[in-house]
């Protein structure tokens, strides 16, 4: 299992980044919804990284929605890069998000 550190060390999105890594799936779902609603390009890396490790289907779906609300010029190259990941979930979720 690959462990990805998606914890933010401060900054304007620290609370969302921390909530995306919360133990409770409902908290992660709400954080992904907030990230998509806010449409902050600064969360691109965090959202993509979380897709690679998120165990809950509904949270992954919300992460995809959040990524689709960000500028394509930021998300598409990052998602294409994930297609070469050693982690099957990262590849699968990147392909799913690119299909949207």
Protein backbone atom coordinates (compact mmCIF):
# COMPACT_ATOMS: atom_id res chain seq x y z
CA UNK A 1 0.00 0.00 0.00
CA UNK A 2 1.28 3.44 -0.94
CA UNK A 3 0.80 6.18 1.63
CA UNK A 4 0.40 9.70 0.29
CA UNK A 5 0.72 12.59 2.69
CA UNK A 6 -2.10 14.96 1.80
CA UNK A 7 -1.78 17.00 4.97
CA UNK A 8 -1.37 20.72 4.42
CA UNK A 9 1.22 22.51 6.52
CA UNK A 10 -0.70 25.78 6.62
CA UNK A 11 -2.04 28.20 4.11
CA UNK A 12 -5.52 29.24 3.09
CA UNK A 13 -6.73 25.70 2.41
CA UNK A 14 -5.28 23.97 5.47
CA UNK A 15 -8.70 23.22 6.93
CA UNK A 16 -9.94 21.62 3.69
CA UNK A 17 -6.77 19.62 3.21
CA UNK A 18 -6.99 18.32 6.76
CA UNK A 19 -10.70 17.51 6.36
CA UNK A 20 -9.97 15.56 3.16
CA UNK A 21 -7.77 13.27 5.26
CA UNK A 22 -10.23 12.93 8.17
CA UNK A 23 -11.12 9.48 9.48
CA UNK A 24 -14.84 10.04 8.92
CA UNK A 25 -15.99 9.60 5.29
CA UNK A 26 -18.78 12.15 5.80
CA UNK A 27 -16.21 14.77 6.75
CA UNK A 28 -14.13 13.92 3.68
CA UNK A 29 -17.24 14.12 1.48
CA UNK A 30 -18.14 17.56 2.84
CA UNK A 31 -14.54 18.73 2.32
CA UNK A 32 -14.54 17.54 -1.30
CA UNK A 33 -17.88 19.33 -1.85
CA UNK A 34 -16.44 22.52 -0.34
CA UNK A 35 -13.33 22.21 -2.52
CA UNK A 36 -15.45 21.92 -5.65
CA UNK A 37 -17.73 24.74 -4.63
CA UNK A 38 -14.77 27.02 -3.91
CA UNK A 39 -12.99 26.12 -7.14
CA UNK A 40 -9.56 27.05 -5.78
CA UNK A 41 -6.81 25.98 -8.21
CA UNK A 42 -4.45 25.79 -5.22
CA UNK A 43 -6.19 22.54 -4.24
CA UNK A 44 -5.41 20.73 -7.51
CA UNK A 45 -2.48 18.73 -6.18
CA UNK A 46 -4.26 17.86 -2.95
CA UNK A 47 -7.39 16.64 -4.75
CA UNK A 48 -5.44 14.51 -7.23
CA UNK A 49 -3.31 13.03 -4.44
CA UNK A 50 -6.41 12.24 -2.39
CA UNK A 51 -7.99 10.41 -5.33
CA UNK A 52 -5.08 7.98 -5.25
CA UNK A 53 -5.78 6.88 -1.67
CA UNK A 54 -9.46 7.61 -0.98
CA UNK A 55 -11.22 4.36 0.03
CA UNK A 56 -14.82 5.62 -0.19
CA UNK A 57 -16.52 5.52 -3.60
CA UNK A 58 -18.77 8.51 -2.91
CA UNK A 59 -15.87 10.66 -1.74
CA UNK A 60 -13.86 9.70 -4.84
CA UNK A 61 -16.84 10.71 -6.98
CA UNK A 62 -17.01 14.09 -5.23
CA UNK A 63 -13.25 14.53 -5.68
CA UNK A 64 -13.73 13.95 -9.40
CA UNK A 65 -16.51 16.54 -9.46
CA UNK A 66 -14.27 19.02 -7.61
CA UNK A 67 -11.43 18.45 -10.08
CA UNK A 68 -13.78 18.94 -13.04
CA UNK A 69 -14.67 22.38 -11.68
CA UNK A 70 -11.04 23.51 -11.79
CA UNK A 71 -9.33 24.86 -14.92
CA UNK A 72 -8.53 22.06 -17.36
CA UNK A 73 -5.08 23.49 -18.06
CA UNK A 74 -4.20 22.68 -14.43
CA UNK A 75 -5.99 19.40 -13.92
CA UNK A 76 -5.51 17.56 -17.22
CA UNK A 77 -1.69 17.52 -17.20
CA UNK A 78 -1.69 16.45 -13.54
CA UNK A 79 -4.20 13.66 -14.20
CA UNK A 80 -2.32 12.47 -17.30
CA UNK A 81 0.76 12.23 -15.10
CA UNK A 82 -1.18 9.98 -12.71
CA UNK A 83 -1.78 7.48 -15.52
CA UNK A 84 1.85 6.42 -15.04
CA UNK A 85 1.47 5.90 -11.28
CA UNK A 86 2.50 2.66 -9.62
CA UNK A 87 -0.79 2.75 -7.71
CA UNK A 88 -3.72 1.10 -9.49
CA UNK A 89 -6.30 3.32 -7.82
CA UNK A 90 -4.41 6.47 -8.85
CA UNK A 91 -4.40 5.33 -12.48
CA UNK A 92 -8.02 4.23 -12.42
CA UNK A 93 -9.32 7.39 -10.77
CA UNK A 94 -7.25 9.63 -13.07
CA UNK A 95 -8.69 7.86 -16.11
CA UNK A 96 -12.19 8.16 -14.70
CA UNK A 97 -11.75 11.88 -14.01
CA UNK A 98 -10.27 12.49 -17.46
CA UNK A 99 -13.31 10.81 -19.00
CA UNK A 100 -15.52 13.49 -17.44
